[in-house]
Every structure is written in C-alpha cells, then in structure tokens.
Amino acid sequence: MDYFTTKNLVEDHFIPAIVKSSSKKVMQYIPEDDPLENCRLVVLSKSGDVLLSEGVYANPDEGLKRIRSLIAKNV
C-alpha cells in the first residue's frame, strides 16, 4: 500500500478493513500455522467465502501487481 495507485485501486474495488488479530471472528480466516509476523491479505466474497488468503510483505511493486490481478479476476 505504498503507492497511491494501489491505495486508490483498493478504495475503488474493495472494502478495506484493518482488524485486531485477537478477534475470534477474525481468527477463522487466519491459518493456525501463521504467526502473523507479516501482514495478511484476506479477500472475502460478498457472502463471506475466502477468495484469497496470503501473507504479504513490504514490496510496493508486488502489492500493486497483486491488487491489479485481483481486480482483473473480478474479485
């Protein structure tokens, strides 16, 4: 989310949420073996199904690429 382009794409196509990982509602989306040392990107469908769940790291080029890929897949 380093680039304004990425931020604008996320705001235009998704509902971003930053949540506490200790929430029981959130923990259902976190794999048990993920220590959350890095951020985690979880994309849900409107019905709540997990479309994507992956650990992410600070690489603005890769972040922009992944967000564009999600949008292209109509996620």
PDB file of N, CA and C in Angstrom:
ATOM      1  N   MET A   1       0.821  -1.193   0.000  1.00  0.00           N
ATOM      2  CA  MET A   1       0.000   0.000   0.000  1.00  0.00           C
ATOM      3  C   MET A   1       0.862   1.253   0.000  1.00  0.00           C
ATOM      4  N   ASP A   2       2.065   1.115  -0.478  1.00  0.00           N
ATOM      5  CA  ASP A   2       2.987   2.247  -0.513  1.00  0.00           C
ATOM      6  C   ASP A   2       2.626   3.246  -1.609  1.00  0.00           C
ATOM      7  N   TYR A   3       2.085   2.746  -2.708  1.00  0.00           N
ATOM      8  CA  TYR A   3       1.783   3.607  -3.844  1.00  0.00           C
ATOM      9  C   TYR A   3       0.351   4.149  -3.758  1.00  0.00           C
ATOM     10  N   PHE A   4       0.179   5.402  -4.174  1.00  0.00           N
ATOM     11  CA  PHE A   4      -1.164   5.972  -4.210  1.00  0.00           C
ATOM     12  C   PHE A   4      -2.039   5.217  -5.205  1.00  0.00           C
ATOM     13  N   THR A   5      -1.448   4.715  -6.283  1.00  0.00           N
ATOM     14  CA  THR A   5      -2.205   3.935  -7.258  1.00  0.00           C
ATOM     15  C   THR A   5      -2.815   2.709  -6.593  1.00  0.00           C
ATOM     16  N   THR A   6      -2.037   2.006  -5.798  1.00  0.00           N
ATOM     17  CA  THR A   6      -2.542   0.824  -5.099  1.00  0.00           C
ATOM     18  C   THR A   6      -3.654   1.209  -4.133  1.00  0.00           C
ATOM     19  N   LYS A   7      -3.428   2.266  -3.357  1.00  0.00           N
ATOM     20  CA  LYS A   7      -4.448   2.719  -2.399  1.00  0.00           C
ATOM     21  C   LYS A   7      -5.747   3.069  -3.114  1.00  0.00           C
ATOM     22  N   ASN A   8      -5.646   3.780  -4.228  1.00  0.00           N
ATOM     23  CA  ASN A   8      -6.841   4.162  -4.972  1.00  0.00           C
ATOM     24  C   ASN A   8      -7.570   2.953  -5.545  1.00  0.00           C
ATOM     25  N   LEU A   9      -6.831   1.975  -6.057  1.00  0.00           N
ATOM     26  CA  LEU A   9      -7.456   0.751  -6.574  1.00  0.00           C
ATOM     27  C   LEU A   9      -8.185  -0.006  -5.473  1.00  0.00           C
ATOM     28  N   VAL A  10      -7.557  -0.108  -4.308  1.00  0.00           N
ATOM     29  CA  VAL A  10      -8.193  -0.803  -3.184  1.00  0.00           C
ATOM     30  C   VAL A  10      -9.468  -0.065  -2.775  1.00  0.00           C
ATOM     31  N   GLU A  11      -9.398   1.254  -2.664  1.00  0.00           N
ATOM     32  CA  GLU A  11     -10.578   2.030  -2.273  1.00  0.00           C
ATOM     33  C   GLU A  11     -11.698   1.933  -3.311  1.00  0.00           C
ATOM     34  N   ASP A  12     -11.350   1.843  -4.589  1.00  0.00           N
ATOM     35  CA  ASP A  12     -12.352   1.779  -5.654  1.00  0.00           C
ATOM     36  C   ASP A  12     -12.989   0.400  -5.819  1.00  0.00           C
ATOM     37  N   HIS A  13     -12.278  -0.660  -5.423  1.00  0.00           N
ATOM     38  CA  HIS A  13     -12.749  -2.020  -5.729  1.00  0.00           C
ATOM     39  C   HIS A  13     -13.005  -2.911  -4.515  1.00  0.00           C
ATOM     40  N   PHE A  14     -12.583  -2.491  -3.342  1.00  0.00           N
ATOM     41  CA  PHE A  14     -12.703  -3.334  -2.154  1.00  0.00           C
ATOM     42  C   PHE A  14     -13.183  -2.508  -0.972  1.00  0.00           C
ATOM     43  N   ILE A  15     -13.563  -3.197   0.080  1.00  0.00           N
ATOM     44  CA  ILE A  15     -13.845  -2.545   1.356  1.00  0.00           C
ATOM     45  C   ILE A  15     -12.708  -2.943   2.283  1.00  0.00           C
ATOM     46  N   PRO A  16     -11.716  -2.055   2.439  1.00  0.00           N
ATOM     47  CA  PRO A  16     -10.568  -2.419   3.279  1.00  0.00           C
ATOM     48  C   PRO A  16     -10.926  -2.390   4.755  1.00  0.00           C
ATOM     49  N   ALA A  17     -10.325  -3.297   5.501  1.00  0.00           N
ATOM     50  CA  ALA A  17     -10.529  -3.338   6.948  1.00  0.00           C
ATOM     51  C   ALA A  17      -9.229  -3.753   7.615  1.00  0.00           C
ATOM     52  N   ILE A  18      -8.875  -3.044   8.627  1.00  0.00           N
ATOM     53  CA  ILE A  18      -7.736  -3.420   9.459  1.00  0.00           C
ATOM     54  C   ILE A  18      -8.327  -3.807  10.799  1.00  0.00           C
ATOM     55  N   VAL A  19      -8.071  -5.040  11.206  1.00  0.00           N
ATOM     56  CA  VAL A  19      -8.715  -5.565  12.409  1.00  0.00           C
ATOM     57  C   VAL A  19      -7.691  -6.175  13.342  1.00  0.00           C
ATOM     58  N   LYS A  20      -8.059  -6.264  14.601  1.00  0.00           N
ATOM     59  CA  LYS A  20      -7.202  -6.914  15.586  1.00  0.00           C
ATOM     60  C   LYS A  20      -7.195  -8.415  15.312  1.00  0.00           C
ATOM     61  N   SER A  21      -6.025  -8.994  15.333  1.00  0.00           N
ATOM     62  CA  SER A  21      -5.926 -10.430  15.070  1.00  0.00           C
ATOM     63  C   SER A  21      -6.455 -11.259  16.229  1.00  0.00           C
ATOM     64  N   SER A  22      -6.659 -10.648  17.369  1.00  0.00           N
ATOM     65  CA  SER A  22      -7.148 -11.394  18.530  1.00  0.00           C
ATOM     66  C   SER A  22      -8.666 -11.601  18.505  1.00  0.00           C
ATOM     67  N   SER A  23      -9.347 -10.956  17.578  1.00  0.00           N
ATOM     68  CA  SER A  23     -10.787 -11.104  17.483  1.00  0.00           C
ATOM     69  C   SER A  23     -11.145 -12.521  17.044  1.00  0.00           C
ATOM     70  N   LYS A  24     -12.082 -13.148  17.735  1.00  0.00           N
ATOM     71  CA  LYS A  24     -12.481 -14.515  17.377  1.00  0.00           C
ATOM     72  C   LYS A  24     -13.091 -14.575  15.979  1.00  0.00           C
ATOM     73  N   LYS A  25     -13.785 -13.528  15.575  1.00  0.00           N
ATOM     74  CA  LYS A  25     -14.371 -13.505  14.229  1.00  0.00           C
ATOM     75  C   LYS A  25     -13.282 -13.483  13.158  1.00  0.00           C
ATOM     76  N   VAL A  26     -12.165 -12.837  13.456  1.00  0.00           N
ATOM     77  CA  VAL A  26     -11.060 -12.728  12.503  1.00  0.00           C
ATOM     78  C   VAL A  26     -10.247 -14.010  12.457  1.00  0.00           C
ATOM     79  N   MET A  27     -10.077 -14.660  13.574  1.00  0.00           N
ATOM     80  CA  MET A  27      -9.213 -15.846  13.656  1.00  0.00           C
ATOM     81  C   MET A  27      -9.649 -16.966  12.724  1.00  0.00           C
ATOM     82  N   GLN A  28     -10.909 -17.001  12.346  1.00  0.00           N
ATOM     83  CA  GLN A  28     -11.357 -18.051  11.425  1.00  0.00           C
ATOM     84  C   GLN A  28     -10.710 -17.925  10.041  1.00  0.00           C
ATOM     85  N   TYR A  29     -10.165 -16.762   9.747  1.00  0.00           N
ATOM     86  CA  TYR A  29      -9.537 -16.529   8.451  1.00  0.00           C
ATOM     87  C   TYR A  29      -8.012 -16.643   8.493  1.00  0.00           C
ATOM     88  N   ILE A  30      -7.458 -16.908   9.653  1.00  0.00           N
ATOM     89  CA  ILE A  30      -6.005 -16.984   9.825  1.00  0.00           C
ATOM     90  C   ILE A  30      -5.608 -18.453  10.002  1.00  0.00           C
ATOM     91  N   PRO A  31      -4.751 -18.995   9.136  1.00  0.00           N
ATOM     92  CA  PRO A  31      -4.300 -20.373   9.326  1.00  0.00           C
ATOM     93  C   PRO A  31      -3.581 -20.527  10.669  1.00  0.00           C
ATOM     94  N   GLU A  32      -3.768 -21.664  11.298  1.00  0.00           N
ATOM     95  CA  GLU A  32      -3.175 -21.904  12.624  1.00  0.00           C
ATOM     96  C   GLU A  32      -1.658 -21.792  12.617  1.00  0.00           C
ATOM     97  N   ASP A  33      -1.023 -22.114  11.500  1.00  0.00           N
ATOM     98  CA  ASP A  33       0.439 -22.084  11.446  1.00  0.00           C
ATOM     99  C   ASP A  33       1.009 -20.720  11.039  1.00  0.00           C
ATOM    100  N   ASP A  34       0.139 -19.695  10.921  1.00  0.00           N
ATOM    101  CA  ASP A  34       0.610 -18.358  10.554  1.00  0.00           C
ATOM    102  C   ASP A  34       0.836 -17.535  11.820  1.00  0.00           C
ATOM    103  N   PRO A  35       2.092 -17.208  12.155  1.00  0.00           N
ATOM    104  CA  PRO A  35       2.363 -16.435  13.364  1.00  0.00           C
ATOM    105  C   PRO A  35       2.067 -14.943  13.204  1.00  0.00           C
ATOM    106  N   LEU A  36       1.610 -14.536  12.022  1.00  0.00           N
ATOM    107  CA  LEU A  36       1.290 -13.136  11.719  1.00  0.00           C
ATOM    108  C   LEU A  36       2.478 -12.209  11.938  1.00  0.00           C
ATOM    109  N   GLU A  37       3.659 -12.698  11.562  1.00  0.00           N
ATOM    110  CA  GLU A  37       4.855 -11.856  11.614  1.00  0.00           C
ATOM    111  C   GLU A  37       4.791 -10.794  10.524  1.00  0.00           C
ATOM    112  N   ASN A  38       4.097 -11.111   9.434  1.00  0.00           N
ATOM    113  CA  ASN A  38       3.854 -10.163   8.356  1.00  0.00           C
ATOM    114  C   ASN A  38       2.356  -9.882   8.299  1.00  0.00           C
ATOM    115  N   CYS A  39       1.976  -8.891   7.525  1.00  0.00           N
ATOM    116  CA  CYS A  39       0.557  -8.620   7.320  1.00  0.00           C
ATOM    117  C   CYS A  39      -0.074  -9.792   6.574  1.00  0.00           C
ATOM    118  N   ARG A  40      -1.373  -9.919   6.669  1.00  0.00           N
ATOM    119  CA  ARG A  40      -2.087 -10.968   5.948  1.00  0.00           C
ATOM    120  C   ARG A  40      -3.183 -10.311   5.124  1.00  0.00           C
ATOM    121  N   LEU A  41      -3.258 -10.678   3.872  1.00  0.00           N
ATOM    122  CA  LEU A  41      -4.296 -10.190   2.975  1.00  0.00           C
ATOM    123  C   LEU A  41      -5.353 -11.276   2.858  1.00  0.00           C
ATOM    124  N   VAL A  42      -6.567 -10.938   3.235  1.00  0.00           N
ATOM    125  CA  VAL A  42      -7.683 -11.870   3.116  1.00  0.00           C
ATOM    126  C   VAL A  42      -8.763 -11.165   2.305  1.00  0.00           C
ATOM    127  N   VAL A  43      -9.164 -11.783   1.201  1.00  0.00           N
ATOM    128  CA  VAL A  43     -10.215 -11.231   0.358  1.00  0.00           C
ATOM    129  C   VAL A  43     -11.412 -12.161   0.472  1.00  0.00           C
ATOM    130  N   LEU A  44     -12.536 -11.578   0.860  1.00  0.00           N
ATOM    131  CA  LEU A  44     -13.772 -12.340   1.031  1.00  0.00           C
ATOM    132  C   LEU A  44     -14.765 -11.971  -0.058  1.00  0.00           C
ATOM    133  N   SER A  45     -15.591 -12.934  -0.433  1.00  0.00           N
ATOM    134  CA  SER A  45     -16.700 -12.633  -1.342  1.00  0.00           C
ATOM    135  C   SER A  45     -17.781 -11.919  -0.541  1.00  0.00           C
ATOM    136  N   LYS A  46     -18.790 -11.442  -1.220  1.00  0.00           N
ATOM    137  CA  LYS A  46     -19.900 -10.780  -0.526  1.00  0.00           C
ATOM    138  C   LYS A  46     -20.602 -11.719   0.439  1.00  0.00           C
ATOM    139  N   SER A  47     -20.542 -13.014   0.143  1.00  0.00           N
ATOM    140  CA  SER A  47     -21.193 -13.991   1.020  1.00  0.00           C
ATOM    141  C   SER A  47     -20.282 -14.462   2.156  1.00  0.00           C
ATOM    142  N   GLY A  48     -19.023 -13.975   2.175  1.00  0.00           N
ATOM    143  CA  GLY A  48     -18.113 -14.319   3.262  1.00  0.00           C
ATOM    144  C   GLY A  48     -17.160 -15.454   2.964  1.00  0.00           C
ATOM    145  N   ASP A  49     -17.197 -15.989   1.743  1.00  0.00           N
ATOM    146  CA  ASP A  49     -16.259 -17.048   1.364  1.00  0.00           C
ATOM    147  C   ASP A  49     -14.874 -16.450   1.131  1.00  0.00           C
ATOM    148  N   VAL A  50     -13.834 -17.178   1.529  1.00  0.00           N
ATOM    149  CA  VAL A  50     -12.463 -16.702   1.333  1.00  0.00           C
ATOM    150  C   VAL A  50     -12.063 -16.916  -0.120  1.00  0.00           C
ATOM    151  N   LEU A  51     -11.754 -15.825  -0.804  1.00  0.00           N
ATOM    152  CA  LEU A  51     -11.303 -15.893  -2.188  1.00  0.00           C
ATOM    153  C   LEU A  51      -9.785 -15.920  -2.268  1.00  0.00           C
ATOM    154  N   LEU A  52      -9.136 -15.290  -1.297  1.00  0.00           N
ATOM    155  CA  LEU A  52      -7.682 -15.234  -1.254  1.00  0.00           C
ATOM    156  C   LEU A  52      -7.264 -15.016   0.180  1.00  0.00           C
ATOM    157  N   SER A  53      -6.227 -15.712   0.594  1.00  0.00           N
ATOM    158  CA  SER A  53      -5.661 -15.524   1.930  1.00  0.00           C
ATOM    159  C   SER A  53      -4.173 -15.810   1.823  1.00  0.00           C
ATOM    160  N   GLU A  54      -3.381 -14.756   2.045  1.00  0.00           N
ATOM    161  CA  GLU A  54      -1.935 -14.936   1.926  1.00  0.00           C
ATOM    162  C   GLU A  54      -1.205 -13.921   2.791  1.00  0.00           C
ATOM    163  N   GLY A  55      -0.026 -14.311   3.231  1.00  0.00           N
ATOM    164  CA  GLY A  55       0.839 -13.388   3.938  1.00  0.00           C
ATOM    165  C   GLY A  55       1.461 -12.436   2.933  1.00  0.00           C
ATOM    166  N   VAL A  56       1.605 -11.191   3.308  1.00  0.00           N
ATOM    167  CA  VAL A  56       2.195 -10.195   2.417  1.00  0.00           C
ATOM    168  C   VAL A  56       3.344  -9.494   3.120  1.00  0.00           C
ATOM    169  N   TYR A  57       4.220  -8.938   2.334  1.00  0.00           N
ATOM    170  CA  TYR A  57       5.386  -8.252   2.875  1.00  0.00           C
ATOM    171  C   TYR A  57       5.526  -6.913   2.163  1.00  0.00           C
ATOM    172  N   ALA A  58       6.381  -6.071   2.688  1.00  0.00           N
ATOM    173  CA  ALA A  58       6.509  -4.699   2.191  1.00  0.00           C
ATOM    174  C   ALA A  58       7.253  -4.637   0.867  1.00  0.00           C
ATOM    175  N   ASN A  59       6.547  -4.837  -0.212  1.00  0.00           N
ATOM    176  CA  ASN A  59       7.093  -4.685  -1.558  1.00  0.00           C
ATOM    177  C   ASN A  59       6.013  -3.992  -2.381  1.00  0.00           C
ATOM    178  N   PRO A  60       6.123  -2.673  -2.568  1.00  0.00           N
ATOM    179  CA  PRO A  60       5.049  -1.940  -3.229  1.00  0.00           C
ATOM    180  C   PRO A  60       4.786  -2.381  -4.665  1.00  0.00           C
ATOM    181  N   ASP A  61       5.805  -2.805  -5.382  1.00  0.00           N
ATOM    182  CA  ASP A  61       5.601  -3.273  -6.751  1.00  0.00           C
ATOM    183  C   ASP A  61       4.768  -4.546  -6.771  1.00  0.00           C
ATOM    184  N   GLU A  62       5.096  -5.473  -5.881  1.00  0.00           N
ATOM    185  CA  GLU A  62       4.349  -6.735  -5.803  1.00  0.00           C
ATOM    186  C   GLU A  62       2.921  -6.484  -5.321  1.00  0.00           C
ATOM    187  N   GLY A  63       2.754  -5.569  -4.388  1.00  0.00           N
ATOM    188  CA  GLY A  63       1.418  -5.237  -3.900  1.00  0.00           C
ATOM    189  C   GLY A  63       0.529  -4.703  -5.008  1.00  0.00           C
ATOM    190  N   LEU A  64       1.058  -3.789  -5.800  1.00  0.00           N
ATOM    191  CA  LEU A  64       0.296  -3.236  -6.920  1.00  0.00           C
ATOM    192  C   LEU A  64      -0.052  -4.330  -7.921  1.00  0.00           C
ATOM    193  N   LYS A  65       0.906  -5.199  -8.195  1.00  0.00           N
ATOM    194  CA  LYS A  65       0.680  -6.303  -9.138  1.00  0.00           C
ATOM    195  C   LYS A  65      -0.437  -7.228  -8.639  1.00  0.00           C
ATOM    196  N   ARG A  66      -0.418  -7.552  -7.359  1.00  0.00           N
ATOM    197  CA  ARG A  66      -1.431  -8.468  -6.816  1.00  0.00           C
ATOM    198  C   ARG A  66      -2.816  -7.840  -6.790  1.00  0.00           C
ATOM    199  N   ILE A  67      -2.891  -6.564  -6.439  1.00  0.00           N
ATOM    200  CA  ILE A  67      -4.191  -5.894  -6.424  1.00  0.00           C
ATOM    201  C   ILE A  67      -4.750  -5.813  -7.839  1.00  0.00           C
ATOM    202  N   ARG A  68      -3.921  -5.463  -8.809  1.00  0.00           N
ATOM    203  CA  ARG A  68      -4.382  -5.428 -10.208  1.00  0.00           C
ATOM    204  C   ARG A  68      -4.842  -6.799 -10.679  1.00  0.00           C
ATOM    205  N   SER A  69      -4.143  -7.843 -10.262  1.00  0.00           N
ATOM    206  CA  SER A  69      -4.521  -9.208 -10.629  1.00  0.00           C
ATOM    207  C   SER A  69      -5.881  -9.578 -10.041  1.00  0.00           C
ATOM    208  N   LEU A  70      -6.119  -9.206  -8.783  1.00  0.00           N
ATOM    209  CA  LEU A  70      -7.411  -9.485  -8.158  1.00  0.00           C
ATOM    210  C   LEU A  70      -8.550  -8.768  -8.893  1.00  0.00           C
ATOM    211  N   ILE A  71      -8.308  -7.530  -9.253  1.00  0.00           N
ATOM    212  CA  ILE A  71      -9.324  -6.761  -9.965  1.00  0.00           C
ATOM    213  C   ILE A  71      -9.595  -7.372 -11.335  1.00  0.00           C
ATOM    214  N   ALA A  72      -8.550  -7.799 -12.027  1.00  0.00           N
ATOM    215  CA  ALA A  72      -8.706  -8.423 -13.341  1.00  0.00           C
ATOM    216  C   ALA A  72      -9.518  -9.707 -13.272  1.00  0.00           C
ATOM    217  N   LYS A  73      -9.436 -10.405 -12.131  1.00  0.00           N
ATOM    218  CA  LYS A  73     -10.198 -11.647 -11.939  1.00  0.00           C
ATOM    219  C   LYS A  73     -11.622 -11.358 -11.464  1.00  0.00           C
ATOM    220  N   ASN A  74     -11.965 -10.075 -11.386  1.00  0.00           N
ATOM    221  CA  ASN A  74     -13.287  -9.654 -10.899  1.00  0.00           C
ATOM    222  C   ASN A  74     -13.574 -10.123  -9.497  1.00  0.00           C
ATOM    223  N   VAL A  75     -12.549 -10.097  -8.650  1.00  0.00           N
ATOM    224  CA  VAL A  75     -12.718 -10.491  -7.250  1.00  0.00           C
ATOM    225  C   VAL A  75     -13.315  -9.347  -6.496  1.00  0.00           C
TER     226      VAL A  75
END
